[in-house]
Amino acid sequence: MLEYCKKILSAMSFDIRLFQKELRKSYGYLNSIERRFLNIWANYNYVKLVPLALPM
């Protein structure tokens, strides 16, 4: 599921609001460890689209 969420977020990276909405929605599908990995991945790859204090 984590890889699927990454794929969807990569496709949504053209719009900041859509990206953030999909990121929050992705958190609902993942367990706490996967959320942490997704948050690290998003902050590393899309630093301009992800606020640093995004709640998990």
PDB file of N, CA and C in Angstrom:
ATOM      1  N   MET A   1       0.819  -1.192   0.000  1.00  0.00           N
ATOM      2  CA  MET A   1       0.000   0.000   0.000  1.00  0.00           C
ATOM      3  C   MET A   1       0.865   1.259   0.000  1.00  0.00           C
ATOM      4  N   LEU A   2       2.004   1.192   0.670  1.00  0.00           N
ATOM      5  CA  LEU A   2       2.900   2.347   0.742  1.00  0.00           C
ATOM      6  C   LEU A   2       3.378   2.742  -0.652  1.00  0.00           C
ATOM      7  N   GLU A   3       3.764   1.768  -1.452  1.00  0.00           N
ATOM      8  CA  GLU A   3       4.239   2.071  -2.810  1.00  0.00           C
ATOM      9  C   GLU A   3       3.120   2.650  -3.674  1.00  0.00           C
ATOM     10  N   TYR A   4       1.907   2.161  -3.485  1.00  0.00           N
ATOM     11  CA  TYR A   4       0.764   2.694  -4.214  1.00  0.00           C
ATOM     12  C   TYR A   4       0.527   4.162  -3.852  1.00  0.00           C
ATOM     13  N   CYS A   5       0.608   4.481  -2.566  1.00  0.00           N
ATOM     14  CA  CYS A   5       0.430   5.867  -2.113  1.00  0.00           C
ATOM     15  C   CYS A   5       1.508   6.773  -2.699  1.00  0.00           C
ATOM     16  N   LYS A   6       2.737   6.280  -2.752  1.00  0.00           N
ATOM     17  CA  LYS A   6       3.829   7.060  -3.350  1.00  0.00           C
ATOM     18  C   LYS A   6       3.556   7.338  -4.823  1.00  0.00           C
ATOM     19  N   LYS A   7       3.047   6.339  -5.516  1.00  0.00           N
ATOM     20  CA  LYS A   7       2.740   6.487  -6.950  1.00  0.00           C
ATOM     21  C   LYS A   7       1.652   7.542  -7.161  1.00  0.00           C
ATOM     22  N   ILE A   8       0.612   7.485  -6.358  1.00  0.00           N
ATOM     23  CA  ILE A   8      -0.477   8.457  -6.454  1.00  0.00           C
ATOM     24  C   ILE A   8       0.026   9.861  -6.131  1.00  0.00           C
ATOM     25  N   LEU A   9       0.819   9.992  -5.080  1.00  0.00           N
ATOM     26  CA  LEU A   9       1.338  11.306  -4.693  1.00  0.00           C
ATOM     27  C   LEU A   9       2.273  11.876  -5.748  1.00  0.00           C
ATOM     28  N   SER A  10       3.038  11.033  -6.402  1.00  0.00           N
ATOM     29  CA  SER A  10       3.908  11.508  -7.478  1.00  0.00           C
ATOM     30  C   SER A  10       3.078  12.080  -8.619  1.00  0.00           C
ATOM     31  N   ALA A  11       1.952  11.451  -8.890  1.00  0.00           N
ATOM     32  CA  ALA A  11       1.074  11.934  -9.954  1.00  0.00           C
ATOM     33  C   ALA A  11       0.369  13.232  -9.565  1.00  0.00           C
ATOM     34  N   MET A  12       0.172  13.468  -8.273  1.00  0.00           N
ATOM     35  CA  MET A  12      -0.530  14.655  -7.797  1.00  0.00           C
ATOM     36  C   MET A  12       0.415  15.819  -7.468  1.00  0.00           C
ATOM     37  N   SER A  13       1.664  15.678  -7.760  1.00  0.00           N
ATOM     38  CA  SER A  13       2.647  16.690  -7.349  1.00  0.00           C
ATOM     39  C   SER A  13       2.548  17.994  -8.141  1.00  0.00           C
ATOM     40  N   PHE A  14       1.679  18.069  -9.136  1.00  0.00           N
ATOM     41  CA  PHE A  14       1.544  19.294  -9.905  1.00  0.00           C
ATOM     42  C   PHE A  14       0.730  20.367  -9.185  1.00  0.00           C
ATOM     43  N   ASP A  15      -0.036  19.966  -8.151  1.00  0.00           N
ATOM     44  CA  ASP A  15      -0.894  20.910  -7.431  1.00  0.00           C
ATOM     45  C   ASP A  15      -0.706  20.718  -5.922  1.00  0.00           C
ATOM     46  N   ILE A  16      -0.324  21.769  -5.235  1.00  0.00           N
ATOM     47  CA  ILE A  16       0.001  21.677  -3.805  1.00  0.00           C
ATOM     48  C   ILE A  16      -1.205  21.254  -2.963  1.00  0.00           C
ATOM     49  N   ARG A  17      -2.378  21.801  -3.238  1.00  0.00           N
ATOM     50  CA  ARG A  17      -3.565  21.441  -2.446  1.00  0.00           C
ATOM     51  C   ARG A  17      -3.976  19.995  -2.664  1.00  0.00           C
ATOM     52  N   LEU A  18      -3.939  19.575  -3.907  1.00  0.00           N
ATOM     53  CA  LEU A  18      -4.302  18.195  -4.221  1.00  0.00           C
ATOM     54  C   LEU A  18      -3.293  17.227  -3.617  1.00  0.00           C
ATOM     55  N   PHE A  19      -2.024  17.574  -3.665  1.00  0.00           N
ATOM     56  CA  PHE A  19      -0.985  16.741  -3.079  1.00  0.00           C
ATOM     57  C   PHE A  19      -1.193  16.591  -1.581  1.00  0.00           C
ATOM     58  N   GLN A  20      -1.434  17.701  -0.886  1.00  0.00           N
ATOM     59  CA  GLN A  20      -1.634  17.654   0.560  1.00  0.00           C
ATOM     60  C   GLN A  20      -2.900  16.879   0.925  1.00  0.00           C
ATOM     61  N   LYS A  21      -3.949  17.032   0.129  1.00  0.00           N
ATOM     62  CA  LYS A  21      -5.183  16.298   0.386  1.00  0.00           C
ATOM     63  C   LYS A  21      -4.950  14.792   0.235  1.00  0.00           C
ATOM     64  N   GLU A  22      -4.255  14.401  -0.824  1.00  0.00           N
ATOM     65  CA  GLU A  22      -3.968  12.991  -1.041  1.00  0.00           C
ATOM     66  C   GLU A  22      -3.022  12.434   0.019  1.00  0.00           C
ATOM     67  N   LEU A  23      -2.096  13.261   0.486  1.00  0.00           N
ATOM     68  CA  LEU A  23      -1.182  12.827   1.536  1.00  0.00           C
ATOM     69  C   LEU A  23      -1.948  12.535   2.822  1.00  0.00           C
ATOM     70  N   ARG A  24      -2.847  13.420   3.196  1.00  0.00           N
ATOM     71  CA  ARG A  24      -3.661  13.189   4.398  1.00  0.00           C
ATOM     72  C   ARG A  24      -4.539  11.952   4.241  1.00  0.00           C
ATOM     73  N   LYS A  25      -5.089  11.788   3.049  1.00  0.00           N
ATOM     74  CA  LYS A  25      -5.933  10.636   2.787  1.00  0.00           C
ATOM     75  C   LYS A  25      -5.114   9.338   2.847  1.00  0.00           C
ATOM     76  N   SER A  26      -3.896   9.401   2.371  1.00  0.00           N
ATOM     77  CA  SER A  26      -3.014   8.226   2.399  1.00  0.00           C
ATOM     78  C   SER A  26      -2.719   7.779   3.811  1.00  0.00           C
ATOM     79  N   TYR A  27      -2.622   8.728   4.739  1.00  0.00           N
ATOM     80  CA  TYR A  27      -2.352   8.386   6.129  1.00  0.00           C
ATOM     81  C   TYR A  27      -3.443   7.482   6.698  1.00  0.00           C
ATOM     82  N   GLY A  28      -4.654   7.610   6.211  1.00  0.00           N
ATOM     83  CA  GLY A  28      -5.754   6.776   6.689  1.00  0.00           C
ATOM     84  C   GLY A  28      -5.629   5.321   6.286  1.00  0.00           C
ATOM     85  N   TYR A  29      -4.880   5.054   5.214  1.00  0.00           N
ATOM     86  CA  TYR A  29      -4.731   3.685   4.723  1.00  0.00           C
ATOM     87  C   TYR A  29      -3.530   2.962   5.315  1.00  0.00           C
ATOM     88  N   LEU A  30      -2.636   3.710   5.939  1.00  0.00           N
ATOM     89  CA  LEU A  30      -1.359   3.140   6.368  1.00  0.00           C
ATOM     90  C   LEU A  30      -1.281   2.982   7.883  1.00  0.00           C
ATOM     91  N   ASN A  31      -0.436   2.055   8.319  1.00  0.00           N
ATOM     92  CA  ASN A  31      -0.186   1.934   9.751  1.00  0.00           C
ATOM     93  C   ASN A  31       0.852   2.978  10.159  1.00  0.00           C
ATOM     94  N   SER A  32       1.166   3.052  11.428  1.00  0.00           N
ATOM     95  CA  SER A  32       2.016   4.135  11.931  1.00  0.00           C
ATOM     96  C   SER A  32       3.435   4.098  11.362  1.00  0.00           C
ATOM     97  N   ILE A  33       3.986   2.929  11.158  1.00  0.00           N
ATOM     98  CA  ILE A  33       5.343   2.830  10.599  1.00  0.00           C
ATOM     99  C   ILE A  33       5.350   3.281   9.137  1.00  0.00           C
ATOM    100  N   GLU A  34       4.354   2.831   8.378  1.00  0.00           N
ATOM    101  CA  GLU A  34       4.270   3.233   6.973  1.00  0.00           C
ATOM    102  C   GLU A  34       4.013   4.735   6.844  1.00  0.00           C
ATOM    103  N   ARG A  35       3.232   5.299   7.750  1.00  0.00           N
ATOM    104  CA  ARG A  35       3.010   6.749   7.740  1.00  0.00           C
ATOM    105  C   ARG A  35       4.313   7.507   7.918  1.00  0.00           C
ATOM    106  N   ARG A  36       5.121   7.022   8.837  1.00  0.00           N
ATOM    107  CA  ARG A  36       6.411   7.669   9.082  1.00  0.00           C
ATOM    108  C   ARG A  36       7.299   7.609   7.838  1.00  0.00           C
ATOM    109  N   PHE A  37       7.346   6.431   7.188  1.00  0.00           N
ATOM    110  CA  PHE A  37       8.124   6.288   5.961  1.00  0.00           C
ATOM    111  C   PHE A  37       7.584   7.194   4.854  1.00  0.00           C
ATOM    112  N   LEU A  38       6.269   7.276   4.741  1.00  0.00           N
ATOM    113  CA  LEU A  38       5.670   8.133   3.715  1.00  0.00           C
ATOM    114  C   LEU A  38       5.972   9.598   3.990  1.00  0.00           C
ATOM    115  N   ASN A  39       5.919  10.005   5.236  1.00  0.00           N
ATOM    116  CA  ASN A  39       6.209  11.383   5.601  1.00  0.00           C
ATOM    117  C   ASN A  39       7.669  11.733   5.288  1.00  0.00           C
ATOM    118  N   ILE A  40       8.583  10.827   5.598  1.00  0.00           N
ATOM    119  CA  ILE A  40       9.998  11.041   5.281  1.00  0.00           C
ATOM    120  C   ILE A  40      10.191  11.124   3.772  1.00  0.00           C
ATOM    121  N   TRP A  41       9.580  10.225   3.039  1.00  0.00           N
ATOM    122  CA  TRP A  41       9.675  10.213   1.575  1.00  0.00           C
ATOM    123  C   TRP A  41       9.137  11.514   0.984  1.00  0.00           C
ATOM    124  N   ALA A  42       7.974  11.947   1.458  1.00  0.00           N
ATOM    125  CA  ALA A  42       7.358  13.167   0.936  1.00  0.00           C
ATOM    126  C   ALA A  42       8.198  14.404   1.270  1.00  0.00           C
ATOM    127  N   ASN A  43       8.709  14.469   2.493  1.00  0.00           N
ATOM    128  CA  ASN A  43       9.547  15.610   2.871  1.00  0.00           C
ATOM    129  C   ASN A  43      10.848  15.636   2.080  1.00  0.00           C
ATOM    130  N   TYR A  44      11.387  14.488   1.751  1.00  0.00           N
ATOM    131  CA  TYR A  44      12.636  14.423   1.000  1.00  0.00           C
ATOM    132  C   TYR A  44      12.421  14.773  -0.473  1.00  0.00           C
ATOM    133  N   ASN A  45      11.365  14.238  -1.079  1.00  0.00           N
ATOM    134  CA  ASN A  45      11.143  14.408  -2.513  1.00  0.00           C
ATOM    135  C   ASN A  45      10.326  15.641  -2.892  1.00  0.00           C
ATOM    136  N   TYR A  46       9.451  16.073  -2.015  1.00  0.00           N
ATOM    137  CA  TYR A  46       8.541  17.176  -2.330  1.00  0.00           C
ATOM    138  C   TYR A  46       8.546  18.203  -1.212  1.00  0.00           C
ATOM    139  N   VAL A  47       9.710  18.669  -0.856  1.00  0.00           N
ATOM    140  CA  VAL A  47       9.874  19.578   0.287  1.00  0.00           C
ATOM    141  C   VAL A  47       9.042  20.850   0.131  1.00  0.00           C
ATOM    142  N   LYS A  48       8.822  21.315  -1.084  1.00  0.00           N
ATOM    143  CA  LYS A  48       8.048  22.541  -1.293  1.00  0.00           C
ATOM    144  C   LYS A  48       6.549  22.306  -1.173  1.00  0.00           C
ATOM    145  N   LEU A  49       6.114  21.062  -1.260  1.00  0.00           N
ATOM    146  CA  LEU A  49       4.687  20.750  -1.220  1.00  0.00           C
ATOM    147  C   LEU A  49       4.204  20.285   0.148  1.00  0.00           C
ATOM    148  N   VAL A  50       5.140  19.908   1.009  1.00  0.00           N
ATOM    149  CA  VAL A  50       4.768  19.334   2.299  1.00  0.00           C
ATOM    150  C   VAL A  50       5.173  20.277   3.422  1.00  0.00           C
ATOM    151  N   PRO A  51       4.217  20.757   4.180  1.00  0.00           N
ATOM    152  CA  PRO A  51       4.595  21.552   5.352  1.00  0.00           C
ATOM    153  C   PRO A  51       5.323  20.665   6.363  1.00  0.00           C
ATOM    154  N   LEU A  52       6.289  21.224   7.041  1.00  0.00           N
ATOM    155  CA  LEU A  52       7.105  20.420   7.944  1.00  0.00           C
ATOM    156  C   LEU A  52       6.309  19.862   9.116  1.00  0.00           C
ATOM    157  N   ALA A  53       5.278  20.553   9.553  1.00  0.00           N
ATOM    158  CA  ALA A  53       4.507  20.133  10.722  1.00  0.00           C
ATOM    159  C   ALA A  53       3.233  19.404  10.324  1.00  0.00           C
ATOM    160  N   LEU A  54       3.280  18.610   9.276  1.00  0.00           N
ATOM    161  CA  LEU A  54       2.095  17.879   8.840  1.00  0.00           C
ATOM    162  C   LEU A  54       1.766  16.786   9.839  1.00  0.00           C
ATOM    163  N   PRO A  55       0.561  16.789  10.406  1.00  0.00           N
ATOM    164  CA  PRO A  55       0.219  15.782  11.413  1.00  0.00           C
ATOM    165  C   PRO A  55       0.107  14.398  10.791  1.00  0.00           C
ATOM    166  N   MET A  56       0.526  13.399  11.566  1.00  0.00           N
ATOM    167  CA  MET A  56       0.410  12.024  11.087  1.00  0.00           C
ATOM    168  C   MET A  56      -0.700  11.390  11.845  1.00  0.00           C
TER     169      MET A  56
END
